[in-house]
PDB file of N, CA and C in Angstrom:
ATOM      1  N   UNK A   1     134.325 182.443  99.679  1.00  0.00           N
ATOM      2  CA  UNK A   1     134.422 181.062  99.160  1.00  0.00           C
ATOM      3  C   UNK A   1     134.166 180.115 100.297  1.00  0.00           C
ATOM      4  N   UNK A   2     133.457 179.016  99.993  1.00  0.00           N
ATOM      5  CA  UNK A   2     133.178 177.966 100.936  1.00  0.00           C
ATOM      6  C   UNK A   2     133.862 176.674 100.457  1.00  0.00           C
ATOM      7  N   UNK A   3     134.688 176.011 101.275  1.00  0.00           N
ATOM      8  CA  UNK A   3     135.307 174.760 100.954  1.00  0.00           C
ATOM      9  C   UNK A   3     134.508 173.588 101.611  1.00  0.00           C
ATOM     10  N   UNK A   4     134.301 172.559 100.789  1.00  0.00           N
ATOM     11  CA  UNK A   4     133.663 171.366 101.359  1.00  0.00           C
ATOM     12  C   UNK A   4     134.456 170.101 101.195  1.00  0.00           C
ATOM     13  N   UNK A   5     134.611 169.287 102.223  1.00  0.00           N
ATOM     14  CA  UNK A   5     135.370 168.094 102.071  1.00  0.00           C
ATOM     15  C   UNK A   5     134.599 166.923 102.641  1.00  0.00           C
ATOM     16  N   UNK A   6     134.352 165.988 101.671  1.00  0.00           N
ATOM     17  CA  UNK A   6     133.538 164.785 102.086  1.00  0.00           C
ATOM     18  C   UNK A   6     134.497 163.699 102.581  1.00  0.00           C
ATOM     19  N   UNK A   7     133.916 162.831 103.404  1.00  0.00           N
ATOM     20  CA  UNK A   7     134.636 161.669 103.826  1.00  0.00           C
ATOM     21  C   UNK A   7     133.642 160.611 104.190  1.00  0.00           C
ATOM     22  N   UNK A   8     134.091 159.339 104.402  1.00  0.00           N
ATOM     23  CA  UNK A   8     133.266 158.299 104.853  1.00  0.00           C
ATOM     24  C   UNK A   8     132.851 157.229 103.900  1.00  0.00           C
ATOM     25  N   UNK A   9     133.150 157.499 102.633  1.00  0.00           N
ATOM     26  CA  UNK A   9     132.829 156.532 101.650  1.00  0.00           C
ATOM     27  C   UNK A   9     133.612 155.287 101.764  1.00  0.00           C
ATOM     28  N   UNK A  10     132.954 154.152 101.444  1.00  0.00           N
ATOM     29  CA  UNK A  10     133.612 152.816 101.634  1.00  0.00           C
ATOM     30  C   UNK A  10     132.878 151.787 100.795  1.00  0.00           C
ATOM     31  N   UNK A  11     133.314 150.611 100.895  1.00  0.00           N
ATOM     32  CA  UNK A  11     132.614 149.454 100.392  1.00  0.00           C
ATOM     33  C   UNK A  11     131.906 148.702 101.467  1.00  0.00           C
ATOM     34  N   UNK A  12     130.610 148.443 101.273  1.00  0.00           N
ATOM     35  CA  UNK A  12     129.794 147.727 102.310  1.00  0.00           C
ATOM     36  C   UNK A  12     128.834 146.773 101.686  1.00  0.00           C
ATOM     37  N   UNK A  13     128.455 145.810 102.428  1.00  0.00           N
ATOM     38  CA  UNK A  13     127.592 144.773 101.821  1.00  0.00           C
ATOM     39  C   UNK A  13     126.160 145.292 101.895  1.00  0.00           C
ATOM     40  N   UNK A  14     125.300 144.842 100.996  1.00  0.00           N
ATOM     41  CA  UNK A  14     123.894 145.197 101.024  1.00  0.00           C
ATOM     42  C   UNK A  14     123.232 144.981 102.401  1.00  0.00           C
ATOM     43  N   UNK A  15     122.388 145.958 102.805  1.00  0.00           N
ATOM     44  CA  UNK A  15     121.805 145.858 104.124  1.00  0.00           C
ATOM     45  C   UNK A  15     122.601 146.569 105.192  1.00  0.00           C
ATOM     46  N   UNK A  16     123.888 146.949 104.903  1.00  0.00           N
ATOM     47  CA  UNK A  16     124.776 147.596 105.831  1.00  0.00           C
ATOM     48  C   UNK A  16     124.494 149.168 105.899  1.00  0.00           C
ATOM     49  N   UNK A  17     125.324 149.769 106.650  1.00  0.00           N
ATOM     50  CA  UNK A  17     125.219 151.263 106.921  1.00  0.00           C
ATOM     51  C   UNK A  17     126.539 151.997 106.741  1.00  0.00           C
ATOM     52  N   UNK A  18     126.478 153.203 106.328  1.00  0.00           N
ATOM     53  CA  UNK A  18     127.613 154.105 106.356  1.00  0.00           C
ATOM     54  C   UNK A  18     127.180 155.432 106.687  1.00  0.00           C
ATOM     55  N   UNK A  19     128.061 156.271 107.195  1.00  0.00           N
ATOM     56  CA  UNK A  19     127.823 157.702 107.459  1.00  0.00           C
ATOM     57  C   UNK A  19     128.810 158.543 106.704  1.00  0.00           C
ATOM     58  N   UNK A  20     128.373 159.323 105.843  1.00  0.00           N
ATOM     59  CA  UNK A  20     129.189 160.249 105.179  1.00  0.00           C
ATOM     60  C   UNK A  20     129.178 161.598 105.855  1.00  0.00           C
ATOM     61  N   UNK A  21     130.433 162.309 105.818  1.00  0.00           N
ATOM     62  CA  UNK A  21     130.576 163.589 106.482  1.00  0.00           C
ATOM     63  C   UNK A  21     130.980 164.533 105.426  1.00  0.00           C
ATOM     64  N   UNK A  22     130.626 165.830 105.714  1.00  0.00           N
ATOM     65  CA  UNK A  22     130.964 166.906 104.782  1.00  0.00           C
ATOM     66  C   UNK A  22     131.338 168.143 105.731  1.00  0.00           C
ATOM     67  N   UNK A  23     132.665 168.401 105.754  1.00  0.00           N
ATOM     68  CA  UNK A  23     133.153 169.519 106.564  1.00  0.00           C
ATOM     69  C   UNK A  23     133.226 170.833 105.786  1.00  0.00           C
ATOM     70  N   UNK A  24     132.725 171.856 106.443  1.00  0.00           N
ATOM     71  CA  UNK A  24     132.666 173.143 105.782  1.00  0.00           C
ATOM     72  C   UNK A  24     133.737 174.014 106.356  1.00  0.00           C
ATOM     73  N   UNK A  25     134.327 174.874 105.610  1.00  0.00           N
ATOM     74  CA  UNK A  25     135.304 175.876 105.981  1.00  0.00           C
ATOM     75  C   UNK A  25     135.253 177.056 104.990  1.00  0.00           C
ATOM     76  N   UNK A  26     135.890 178.137 105.369  1.00  0.00           N
ATOM     77  CA  UNK A  26     136.057 179.257 104.506  1.00  0.00           C
ATOM     78  C   UNK A  26     135.562 180.500 105.186  1.00  0.00           C
ATOM     79  N   UNK A  27     136.006 181.625 104.783  1.00  0.00           N
ATOM     80  CA  UNK A  27     135.696 182.879 105.512  1.00  0.00           C
ATOM     81  C   UNK A  27     134.272 183.283 105.299  1.00  0.00           C
ATOM     82  N   UNK A  28     133.516 182.816 104.333  1.00  0.00           N
ATOM     83  CA  UNK A  28     132.128 183.236 104.123  1.00  0.00           C
ATOM     84  C   UNK A  28     131.221 182.289 104.743  1.00  0.00           C
ATOM     85  N   UNK A  29     131.712 181.313 105.414  1.00  0.00           N
ATOM     86  CA  UNK A  29     130.670 180.355 105.959  1.00  0.00           C
ATOM     87  C   UNK A  29     130.292 180.858 107.496  1.00  0.00           C
ATOM     88  N   UNK A  30     130.770 181.996 107.933  1.00  0.00           N
ATOM     89  CA  UNK A  30     130.352 182.513 109.253  1.00  0.00           C
ATOM     90  C   UNK A  30     128.843 182.683 109.307  1.00  0.00           C
ATOM     91  N   UNK A  31     128.286 183.066 108.185  1.00  0.00           N
ATOM     92  CA  UNK A  31     126.813 183.204 108.206  1.00  0.00           C
ATOM     93  C   UNK A  31     126.143 181.928 107.783  1.00  0.00           C
ATOM     94  N   UNK A  32     126.379 180.896 108.488  1.00  0.00           N
ATOM     95  CA  UNK A  32     125.959 179.543 108.045  1.00  0.00           C
ATOM     96  C   UNK A  32     124.439 179.365 107.945  1.00  0.00           C
ATOM     97  N   UNK A  33     123.738 180.189 108.756  1.00  0.00           N
ATOM     98  CA  UNK A  33     122.226 180.048 108.786  1.00  0.00           C
ATOM     99  C   UNK A  33     121.573 180.401 107.477  1.00  0.00           C
ATOM    100  N   UNK A  34     122.372 181.112 106.637  1.00  0.00           N
ATOM    101  CA  UNK A  34     121.844 181.465 105.280  1.00  0.00           C
ATOM    102  C   UNK A  34     121.922 180.394 104.258  1.00  0.00           C
ATOM    103  N   UNK A  35     122.668 179.251 104.651  1.00  0.00           N
ATOM    104  CA  UNK A  35     122.927 178.187 103.691  1.00  0.00           C
ATOM    105  C   UNK A  35     121.994 176.987 103.767  1.00  0.00           C
ATOM    106  N   UNK A  36     121.964 176.243 102.708  1.00  0.00           N
ATOM    107  CA  UNK A  36     121.361 174.900 102.706  1.00  0.00           C
ATOM    108  C   UNK A  36     122.359 174.005 102.161  1.00  0.00           C
ATOM    109  N   UNK A  37     122.321 172.752 102.616  1.00  0.00           N
ATOM    110  CA  UNK A  37     123.355 171.773 102.226  1.00  0.00           C
ATOM    111  C   UNK A  37     122.544 170.625 101.478  1.00  0.00           C
ATOM    112  N   UNK A  38     123.189 170.145 100.438  1.00  0.00           N
ATOM    113  CA  UNK A  38     122.616 169.028  99.785  1.00  0.00           C
ATOM    114  C   UNK A  38     123.543 167.859  99.514  1.00  0.00           C
ATOM    115  N   UNK A  39     123.074 166.702  99.467  1.00  0.00           N
ATOM    116  CA  UNK A  39     123.862 165.493  99.076  1.00  0.00           C
ATOM    117  C   UNK A  39     123.273 165.062  97.731  1.00  0.00           C
ATOM    118  N   UNK A  40     124.216 164.820  96.869  1.00  0.00           N
ATOM    119  CA  UNK A  40     123.929 164.247  95.461  1.00  0.00           C
ATOM    120  C   UNK A  40     124.729 163.044  95.206  1.00  0.00           C
ATOM    121  N   UNK A  41     124.397 162.248  94.222  1.00  0.00           N
ATOM    122  CA  UNK A  41     125.174 161.123  93.890  1.00  0.00           C
ATOM    123  C   UNK A  41     125.152 160.936  92.361  1.00  0.00           C
ATOM    124  N   UNK A  42     126.192 160.394  91.892  1.00  0.00           N
ATOM    125  CA  UNK A  42     126.384 160.168  90.463  1.00  0.00           C
ATOM    126  C   UNK A  42     127.098 158.871  90.155  1.00  0.00           C
ATOM    127  N   UNK A  43     126.526 158.208  89.171  1.00  0.00           N
ATOM    128  CA  UNK A  43     127.148 156.960  88.627  1.00  0.00           C
ATOM    129  C   UNK A  43     127.632 157.344  87.198  1.00  0.00           C
ATOM    130  N   UNK A  44     128.874 156.841  86.921  1.00  0.00           N
ATOM    131  CA  UNK A  44     129.501 157.163  85.640  1.00  0.00           C
ATOM    132  C   UNK A  44     128.490 156.893  84.489  1.00  0.00           C
ATOM    133  N   UNK A  45     128.344 157.999  83.625  1.00  0.00           N
ATOM    134  CA  UNK A  45     127.501 157.914  82.445  1.00  0.00           C
ATOM    135  C   UNK A  45     126.058 158.314  82.732  1.00  0.00           C
ATOM    136  N   UNK A  46     125.888 158.709  83.947  1.00  0.00           N
ATOM    137  CA  UNK A  46     124.478 159.137  84.295  1.00  0.00           C
ATOM    138  C   UNK A  46     124.570 160.546  84.946  1.00  0.00           C
ATOM    139  N   UNK A  47     123.443 161.240  84.952  1.00  0.00           N
ATOM    140  CA  UNK A  47     123.327 162.645  85.548  1.00  0.00           C
ATOM    141  C   UNK A  47     123.440 162.483  87.074  1.00  0.00           C
ATOM    142  N   UNK A  48     123.903 163.639  87.608  1.00  0.00           N
ATOM    143  CA  UNK A  48     123.968 163.713  89.038  1.00  0.00           C
ATOM    144  C   UNK A  48     122.572 163.681  89.619  1.00  0.00           C
ATOM    145  N   UNK A  49     122.321 162.933  90.701  1.00  0.00           N
ATOM    146  CA  UNK A  49     120.984 162.768  91.228  1.00  0.00           C
ATOM    147  C   UNK A  49     120.873 163.257  92.690  1.00  0.00           C
ATOM    148  N   UNK A  50     119.793 163.970  92.892  1.00  0.00           N
ATOM    149  CA  UNK A  50     119.498 164.444  94.185  1.00  0.00           C
ATOM    150  C   UNK A  50     119.262 163.336  95.202  1.00  0.00           C
ATOM    151  N   UNK A  51     119.826 163.503  96.422  1.00  0.00           N
ATOM    152  CA  UNK A  51     119.655 162.513  97.464  1.00  0.00           C
ATOM    153  C   UNK A  51     118.843 163.171  98.681  1.00  0.00           C
ATOM    154  N   UNK A  52     119.465 164.253  99.282  1.00  0.00           N
ATOM    155  CA  UNK A  52     118.840 164.752 100.423  1.00  0.00           C
ATOM    156  C   UNK A  52     119.368 166.264 100.614  1.00  0.00           C
ATOM    157  N   UNK A  53     118.629 167.053 101.346  1.00  0.00           N
ATOM    158  CA  UNK A  53     119.006 168.410 101.632  1.00  0.00           C
ATOM    159  C   UNK A  53     118.509 168.869 102.901  1.00  0.00           C
ATOM    160  N   UNK A  54     119.124 169.780 103.583  1.00  0.00           N
ATOM    161  CA  UNK A  54     118.836 170.334 104.801  1.00  0.00           C
ATOM    162  C   UNK A  54     119.165 171.823 104.893  1.00  0.00           C
ATOM    163  N   UNK A  55     118.305 172.554 105.542  1.00  0.00           N
ATOM    164  CA  UNK A  55     118.728 174.029 105.840  1.00  0.00           C
ATOM    165  C   UNK A  55     119.682 174.089 106.984  1.00  0.00           C
ATOM    166  N   UNK A  56     120.689 174.869 106.874  1.00  0.00           N
ATOM    167  CA  UNK A  56     121.610 175.019 107.962  1.00  0.00           C
ATOM    168  C   UNK A  56     120.913 175.631 109.207  1.00  0.00           C
ATOM    169  N   UNK A  57     120.082 176.676 108.937  1.00  0.00           N
ATOM    170  CA  UNK A  57     119.350 177.279 109.994  1.00  0.00           C
ATOM    171  C   UNK A  57     117.901 176.791 110.040  1.00  0.00           C
ATOM    172  N   UNK A  58     116.955 177.639 110.427  1.00  0.00           N
ATOM    173  CA  UNK A  58     115.586 177.310 110.348  1.00  0.00           C
ATOM    174  C   UNK A  58     115.183 175.955 110.945  1.00  0.00           C
ATOM    175  N   UNK A  59     115.901 175.530 111.999  1.00  0.00           N
ATOM    176  CA  UNK A  59     115.651 174.236 112.597  1.00  0.00           C
ATOM    177  C   UNK A  59     115.942 173.014 111.810  1.00  0.00           C
ATOM    178  N   UNK A  60     116.630 173.136 110.718  1.00  0.00           N
ATOM    179  CA  UNK A  60     117.055 172.023 109.970  1.00  0.00           C
ATOM    180  C   UNK A  60     115.923 171.358 109.167  1.00  0.00           C
ATOM    181  N   UNK A  61     115.318 172.123 108.301  1.00  0.00           N
ATOM    182  CA  UNK A  61     114.240 171.489 107.489  1.00  0.00           C
ATOM    183  C   UNK A  61     114.894 170.609 106.469  1.00  0.00           C
ATOM    184  N   UNK A  62     114.320 169.479 106.148  1.00  0.00           N
ATOM    185  CA  UNK A  62     114.834 168.476 105.336  1.00  0.00           C
ATOM    186  C   UNK A  62     114.028 168.056 104.146  1.00  0.00           C
ATOM    187  N   UNK A  63     114.545 167.477 103.212  1.00  0.00           N
ATOM    188  CA  UNK A  63     113.867 166.879 102.048  1.00  0.00           C
ATOM    189  C   UNK A  63     114.722 165.744 101.491  1.00  0.00           C
ATOM    190  N   UNK A  64     113.977 164.680 101.000  1.00  0.00           N
ATOM    191  CA  UNK A  64     114.736 163.476 100.561  1.00  0.00           C
ATOM    192  C   UNK A  64     114.183 163.010  99.203  1.00  0.00           C
ATOM    193  N   UNK A  65     115.036 162.371  98.443  1.00  0.00           N
ATOM    194  CA  UNK A  65     114.525 161.706  97.275  1.00  0.00           C
ATOM    195  C   UNK A  65     113.688 160.512  97.663  1.00  0.00           C
ATOM    196  N   UNK A  66     112.754 160.168  96.871  1.00  0.00           N
ATOM    197  CA  UNK A  66     111.822 159.095  97.189  1.00  0.00           C
ATOM    198  C   UNK A  66     112.642 157.796  97.360  1.00  0.00           C
ATOM    199  N   UNK A  67     113.747 157.595  96.553  1.00  0.00           N
ATOM    200  CA  UNK A  67     114.496 156.338  96.651  1.00  0.00           C
ATOM    201  C   UNK A  67     115.199 156.136  97.931  1.00  0.00           C
ATOM    202  N   UNK A  68     115.448 157.186  98.723  1.00  0.00           N
ATOM    203  CA  UNK A  68     116.181 157.003  99.916  1.00  0.00           C
ATOM    204  C   UNK A  68     115.387 157.355 101.130  1.00  0.00           C
ATOM    205  N   UNK A  69     114.119 157.734 100.985  1.00  0.00           N
ATOM    206  CA  UNK A  69     113.263 158.119 102.201  1.00  0.00           C
ATOM    207  C   UNK A  69     113.078 156.903 103.034  1.00  0.00           C
ATOM    208  N   UNK A  70     113.286 157.129 104.318  1.00  0.00           N
ATOM    209  CA  UNK A  70     113.189 156.020 105.258  1.00  0.00           C
ATOM    210  C   UNK A  70     114.426 155.278 105.531  1.00  0.00           C
ATOM    211  N   UNK A  71     115.470 155.413 104.696  1.00  0.00           N
ATOM    212  CA  UNK A  71     116.728 154.699 104.818  1.00  0.00           C
ATOM    213  C   UNK A  71     117.924 155.666 105.092  1.00  0.00           C
ATOM    214  N   UNK A  72     117.841 156.891 104.557  1.00  0.00           N
ATOM    215  CA  UNK A  72     118.818 157.914 104.754  1.00  0.00           C
ATOM    216  C   UNK A  72     118.378 159.025 105.574  1.00  0.00           C
ATOM    217  N   UNK A  73     119.316 159.534 106.346  1.00  0.00           N
ATOM    218  CA  UNK A  73     119.010 160.731 107.216  1.00  0.00           C
ATOM    219  C   UNK A  73     120.106 161.789 107.086  1.00  0.00           C
ATOM    220  N   UNK A  74     119.718 163.029 106.738  1.00  0.00           N
ATOM    221  CA  UNK A  74     120.626 164.082 106.648  1.00  0.00           C
ATOM    222  C   UNK A  74     120.592 164.913 107.944  1.00  0.00           C
ATOM    223  N   UNK A  75     121.708 165.448 108.401  1.00  0.00           N
ATOM    224  CA  UNK A  75     121.791 166.210 109.598  1.00  0.00           C
ATOM    225  C   UNK A  75     123.008 167.106 109.443  1.00  0.00           C
ATOM    226  N   UNK A  76     123.086 168.135 110.431  1.00  0.00           N
ATOM    227  CA  UNK A  76     124.161 169.018 110.405  1.00  0.00           C
ATOM    228  C   UNK A  76     124.497 169.318 111.909  1.00  0.00           C
ATOM    229  N   UNK A  77     125.855 169.626 112.107  1.00  0.00           N
ATOM    230  CA  UNK A  77     126.259 170.043 113.420  1.00  0.00           C
ATOM    231  C   UNK A  77     126.885 171.338 113.289  1.00  0.00           C
ATOM    232  N   UNK A  78     126.170 172.358 113.849  1.00  0.00           N
ATOM    233  CA  UNK A  78     126.586 173.690 113.707  1.00  0.00           C
ATOM    234  C   UNK A  78     127.955 174.020 114.319  1.00  0.00           C
ATOM    235  N   UNK A  79     128.170 173.340 115.496  1.00  0.00           N
ATOM    236  CA  UNK A  79     129.440 173.595 116.181  1.00  0.00           C
ATOM    237  C   UNK A  79     130.679 172.995 115.363  1.00  0.00           C
ATOM    238  N   UNK A  80     130.445 171.932 114.716  1.00  0.00           N
ATOM    239  CA  UNK A  80     131.543 171.277 114.065  1.00  0.00           C
ATOM    240  C   UNK A  80     131.544 171.704 112.593  1.00  0.00           C
ATOM    241  N   UNK A  81     130.558 172.545 112.161  1.00  0.00           N
ATOM    242  CA  UNK A  81     130.433 172.908 110.760  1.00  0.00           C
ATOM    243  C   UNK A  81     130.509 171.680 109.838  1.00  0.00           C
ATOM    244  N   UNK A  82     129.782 170.744 110.182  1.00  0.00           N
ATOM    245  CA  UNK A  82     129.799 169.486 109.398  1.00  0.00           C
ATOM    246  C   UNK A  82     128.354 168.984 109.108  1.00  0.00           C
ATOM    247  N   UNK A  83     128.181 168.535 107.879  1.00  0.00           N
ATOM    248  CA  UNK A  83     126.931 167.967 107.613  1.00  0.00           C
ATOM    249  C   UNK A  83     127.110 166.401 107.395  1.00  0.00           C
ATOM    250  N   UNK A  84     126.105 165.691 107.681  1.00  0.00           N
ATOM    251  CA  UNK A  84     126.169 164.176 107.653  1.00  0.00           C
ATOM    252  C   UNK A  84     125.078 163.599 106.740  1.00  0.00           C
ATOM    253  N   UNK A  85     125.360 162.328 106.214  1.00  0.00           N
ATOM    254  CA  UNK A  85     124.335 161.624 105.583  1.00  0.00           C
ATOM    255  C   UNK A  85     124.486 160.209 106.102  1.00  0.00           C
ATOM    256  N   UNK A  86     123.562 159.899 107.029  1.00  0.00           N
ATOM    257  CA  UNK A  86     123.493 158.486 107.535  1.00  0.00           C
ATOM    258  C   UNK A  86     122.711 157.652 106.596  1.00  0.00           C
ATOM    259  N   UNK A  87     123.336 156.562 106.052  1.00  0.00           N
ATOM    260  CA  UNK A  87     122.722 155.664 105.048  1.00  0.00           C
ATOM    261  C   UNK A  87     122.616 154.302 105.688  1.00  0.00           C
ATOM    262  N   UNK A  88     121.352 153.901 105.872  1.00  0.00           N
ATOM    263  CA  UNK A  88     121.014 152.538 106.425  1.00  0.00           C
ATOM    264  C   UNK A  88     120.355 151.663 105.313  1.00  0.00           C
ATOM    265  N   UNK A  89     120.366 150.356 105.596  1.00  0.00           N
ATOM    266  CA  UNK A  89     119.746 149.396 104.674  1.00  0.00           C
ATOM    267  C   UNK A  89     120.209 149.720 103.211  1.00  0.00           C
ATOM    268  N   UNK A  90     121.461 149.805 102.975  1.00  0.00           N
ATOM    269  CA  UNK A  90     122.068 150.102 101.763  1.00  0.00           C
ATOM    270  C   UNK A  90     121.723 149.017 100.701  1.00  0.00           C
ATOM    271  N   UNK A  91     121.523 149.498  99.493  1.00  0.00           N
ATOM    272  CA  UNK A  91     121.232 148.593  98.352  1.00  0.00           C
ATOM    273  C   UNK A  91     122.261 148.749  97.364  1.00  0.00           C
ATOM    274  N   UNK A  92     122.378 147.788  96.360  1.00  0.00           N
ATOM    275  CA  UNK A  92     123.320 147.865  95.369  1.00  0.00           C
ATOM    276  C   UNK A  92     123.194 149.093  94.525  1.00  0.00           C
ATOM    277  N   UNK A  93     121.923 149.430  94.281  1.00  0.00           N
ATOM    278  CA  UNK A  93     121.689 150.630  93.471  1.00  0.00           C
ATOM    279  C   UNK A  93     122.070 151.976  94.141  1.00  0.00           C
ATOM    280  N   UNK A  94     122.471 151.879  95.413  1.00  0.00           N
ATOM    281  CA  UNK A  94     123.001 153.143  96.080  1.00  0.00           C
ATOM    282  C   UNK A  94     124.483 153.383  95.784  1.00  0.00           C
ATOM    283  N   UNK A  95     125.078 152.365  95.041  1.00  0.00           N
ATOM    284  CA  UNK A  95     126.469 152.585  94.661  1.00  0.00           C
ATOM    285  C   UNK A  95     126.684 153.820  93.744  1.00  0.00           C
ATOM    286  N   UNK A  96     127.529 154.651  94.148  1.00  0.00           N
ATOM    287  CA  UNK A  96     127.761 155.908  93.357  1.00  0.00           C
ATOM    288  C   UNK A  96     128.869 156.699  94.076  1.00  0.00           C
ATOM    289  N   UNK A  97     129.210 157.783  93.383  1.00  0.00           N
ATOM    290  CA  UNK A  97     130.061 158.832  93.989  1.00  0.00           C
ATOM    291  C   UNK A  97     129.109 159.777  94.653  1.00  0.00           C
ATOM    292  N   UNK A  98     129.287 160.071  95.944  1.00  0.00           N
ATOM    293  CA  UNK A  98     128.421 161.042  96.645  1.00  0.00           C
ATOM    294  C   UNK A  98     129.095 162.349  96.867  1.00  0.00           C
ATOM    295  N   UNK A  99     128.390 163.421  96.587  1.00  0.00           N
ATOM    296  CA  UNK A  99     128.899 164.779  96.635  1.00  0.00           C
ATOM    297  C   UNK A  99     128.089 165.614  97.665  1.00  0.00           C
ATOM    298  N   UNK A 100     128.617 166.413  98.455  1.00  0.00           N
ATOM    299  CA  UNK A 100     127.901 167.408  99.232  1.00  0.00           C
ATOM    300  C   UNK A 100     128.057 168.699  98.552  1.00  0.00           C
ATOM    301  N   UNK A 101     127.152 169.643  98.756  1.00  0.00           N
ATOM    302  CA  UNK A 101     127.052 170.918  98.079  1.00  0.00           C
ATOM    303  C   UNK A 101     126.384 171.933  98.926  1.00  0.00           C
ATOM    304  N   UNK A 102     126.693 173.089  98.785  1.00  0.00           N
ATOM    305  CA  UNK A 102     126.101 174.259  99.513  1.00  0.00           C
ATOM    306  C   UNK A 102     125.542 175.373  98.685  1.00  0.00           C
ATOM    307  N   UNK A 103     124.497 176.002  99.159  1.00  0.00           N
ATOM    308  CA  UNK A 103     123.942 177.100  98.387  1.00  0.00           C
ATOM    309  C   UNK A 103     123.448 178.094  99.442  1.00  0.00           C
ATOM    310  N   UNK A 104     123.406 179.362  99.070  1.00  0.00           N
ATOM    311  CA  UNK A 104     122.769 180.413  99.917  1.00  0.00           C
ATOM    312  C   UNK A 104     121.316 180.396  99.550  1.00  0.00           C
ATOM    313  N   UNK A 105     120.462 180.132 100.506  1.00  0.00           N
ATOM    314  CA  UNK A 105     119.068 180.150 100.199  1.00  0.00           C
ATOM    315  C   UNK A 105     118.446 178.859 100.756  1.00  0.00           C
ATOM    316  N   UNK A 106     117.124 178.751 100.349  1.00  0.00           N
ATOM    317  CA  UNK A 106     116.364 177.632 100.848  1.00  0.00           C
ATOM    318  C   UNK A 106     116.639 176.339 100.190  1.00  0.00           C
ATOM    319  N   UNK A 107     115.978 175.281 100.559  1.00  0.00           N
ATOM    320  CA  UNK A 107     116.192 173.949 100.083  1.00  0.00           C
ATOM    321  C   UNK A 107     115.981 173.906  98.587  1.00  0.00           C
ATOM    322  N   UNK A 108     116.882 173.073  97.912  1.00  0.00           N
ATOM    323  CA  UNK A 108     116.687 172.889  96.504  1.00  0.00           C
ATOM    324  C   UNK A 108     117.073 171.523  96.152  1.00  0.00           C
ATOM    325  N   UNK A 109     116.396 170.896  95.142  1.00  0.00           N
ATOM    326  CA  UNK A 109     116.778 169.467  94.739  1.00  0.00           C
ATOM    327  C   UNK A 109     117.510 169.640  93.444  1.00  0.00           C
ATOM    328  N   UNK A 110     117.783 170.835  92.824  1.00  0.00           N
ATOM    329  CA  UNK A 110     118.432 171.058  91.633  1.00  0.00           C
ATOM    330  C   UNK A 110     119.941 171.275  91.844  1.00  0.00           C
ATOM    331  N   UNK A 111     120.711 170.361  91.278  1.00  0.00           N
ATOM    332  CA  UNK A 111     122.145 170.406  91.437  1.00  0.00           C
ATOM    333  C   UNK A 111     122.719 171.778  90.851  1.00  0.00           C
ATOM    334  N   UNK A 112     122.102 172.265  89.821  1.00  0.00           N
ATOM    335  CA  UNK A 112     122.584 173.571  89.212  1.00  0.00           C
ATOM    336  C   UNK A 112     122.391 174.768  90.103  1.00  0.00           C
ATOM    337  N   UNK A 113     121.583 174.601  91.126  1.00  0.00           N
ATOM    338  CA  UNK A 113     121.321 175.787  91.996  1.00  0.00           C
ATOM    339  C   UNK A 113     122.366 175.895  93.180  1.00  0.00           C
ATOM    340  N   UNK A 114     123.230 174.884  93.256  1.00  0.00           N
ATOM    341  CA  UNK A 114     124.240 174.885  94.270  1.00  0.00           C
ATOM    342  C   UNK A 114     125.575 175.526  93.880  1.00  0.00           C
ATOM    343  N   UNK A 115     126.150 176.327  94.706  1.00  0.00           N
ATOM    344  CA  UNK A 115     127.316 177.124  94.367  1.00  0.00           C
ATOM    345  C   UNK A 115     128.609 176.456  94.652  1.00  0.00           C
ATOM    346  N   UNK A 116     128.646 175.651  95.695  1.00  0.00           N
ATOM    347  CA  UNK A 116     129.892 174.983  96.156  1.00  0.00           C
ATOM    348  C   UNK A 116     129.772 173.571  96.206  1.00  0.00           C
ATOM    349  N   UNK A 117     130.795 172.871  95.877  1.00  0.00           N
ATOM    350  CA  UNK A 117     130.777 171.387  95.764  1.00  0.00           C
ATOM    351  C   UNK A 117     132.066 170.768  96.449  1.00  0.00           C
ATOM    352  N   UNK A 118     131.878 169.700  97.045  1.00  0.00           N
ATOM    353  CA  UNK A 118     133.084 168.891  97.506  1.00  0.00           C
ATOM    354  C   UNK A 118     133.620 168.068  96.342  1.00  0.00           C
ATOM    355  N   UNK A 119     134.624 167.259  96.665  1.00  0.00           N
ATOM    356  CA  UNK A 119     135.346 166.472  95.659  1.00  0.00           C
ATOM    357  C   UNK A 119     134.645 165.142  95.461  1.00  0.00           C
ATOM    358  N   UNK A 120     133.833 164.720  96.298  1.00  0.00           N
ATOM    359  CA  UNK A 120     133.176 163.489  96.238  1.00  0.00           C
ATOM    360  C   UNK A 120     133.766 162.383  97.113  1.00  0.00           C
ATOM    361  N   UNK A 121     132.963 161.365  97.384  1.00  0.00           N
ATOM    362  CA  UNK A 121     133.427 160.216  98.102  1.00  0.00           C
ATOM    363  C   UNK A 121     132.693 159.002  97.627  1.00  0.00           C
ATOM    364  N   UNK A 122     133.361 157.944  97.407  1.00  0.00           N
ATOM    365  CA  UNK A 122     132.813 156.759  96.703  1.00  0.00           C
ATOM    366  C   UNK A 122     132.163 155.775  97.673  1.00  0.00           C
ATOM    367  N   UNK A 123     131.009 155.381  97.292  1.00  0.00           N
ATOM    368  CA  UNK A 123     130.228 154.407  98.077  1.00  0.00           C
ATOM    369  C   UNK A 123     129.938 153.227  97.126  1.00  0.00           C
ATOM    370  N   UNK A 124     130.358 152.022  97.585  1.00  0.00           N
ATOM    371  CA  UNK A 124     130.178 150.818  96.858  1.00  0.00           C
ATOM    372  C   UNK A 124     129.379 149.821  97.671  1.00  0.00           C
ATOM    373  N   UNK A 125     128.243 149.440  97.282  1.00  0.00           N
ATOM    374  CA  UNK A 125     127.440 148.457  97.953  1.00  0.00           C
ATOM    375  C   UNK A 125     127.434 147.133  97.177  1.00  0.00           C
ATOM    376  N   UNK A 126     127.897 146.145  97.718  1.00  0.00           N
ATOM    377  CA  UNK A 126     128.026 144.819  97.129  1.00  0.00           C
ATOM    378  C   UNK A 126     126.852 143.970  97.498  1.00  0.00           C
ATOM    379  N   UNK A 127     126.343 143.197  96.608  1.00  0.00           N
ATOM    380  CA  UNK A 127     125.091 142.325  96.919  1.00  0.00           C
ATOM    381  C   UNK A 127     125.516 140.970  97.150  1.00  0.00           C
TER     382      UNK A 127
END
């Protein structure tokens, strides 16, 4: 089992920045190079939306949703077993609950392909 704990959500004004963190733990995370990490977001009443993903190994290959490309950066720290989502130039439409997730295997933008999820952290962007 892999446990994920997000943090860093807050309220910020449009144009501002936030960094979300996702700490990984659990006895099966020792083979971290086999995993990919994804960030998703969800607004009440809407489906969960892909934001960004990164391979834990393989040099950290990344992929982003079009809506966040150029503004958000996903990264991971192998020593700290933590993944990050740096969010810059935030917009009101970025307001959502943000979730990190993990899966064994390559990158995926499909939320249904992820096996482990954190509890979420709330981001509110005021205009």
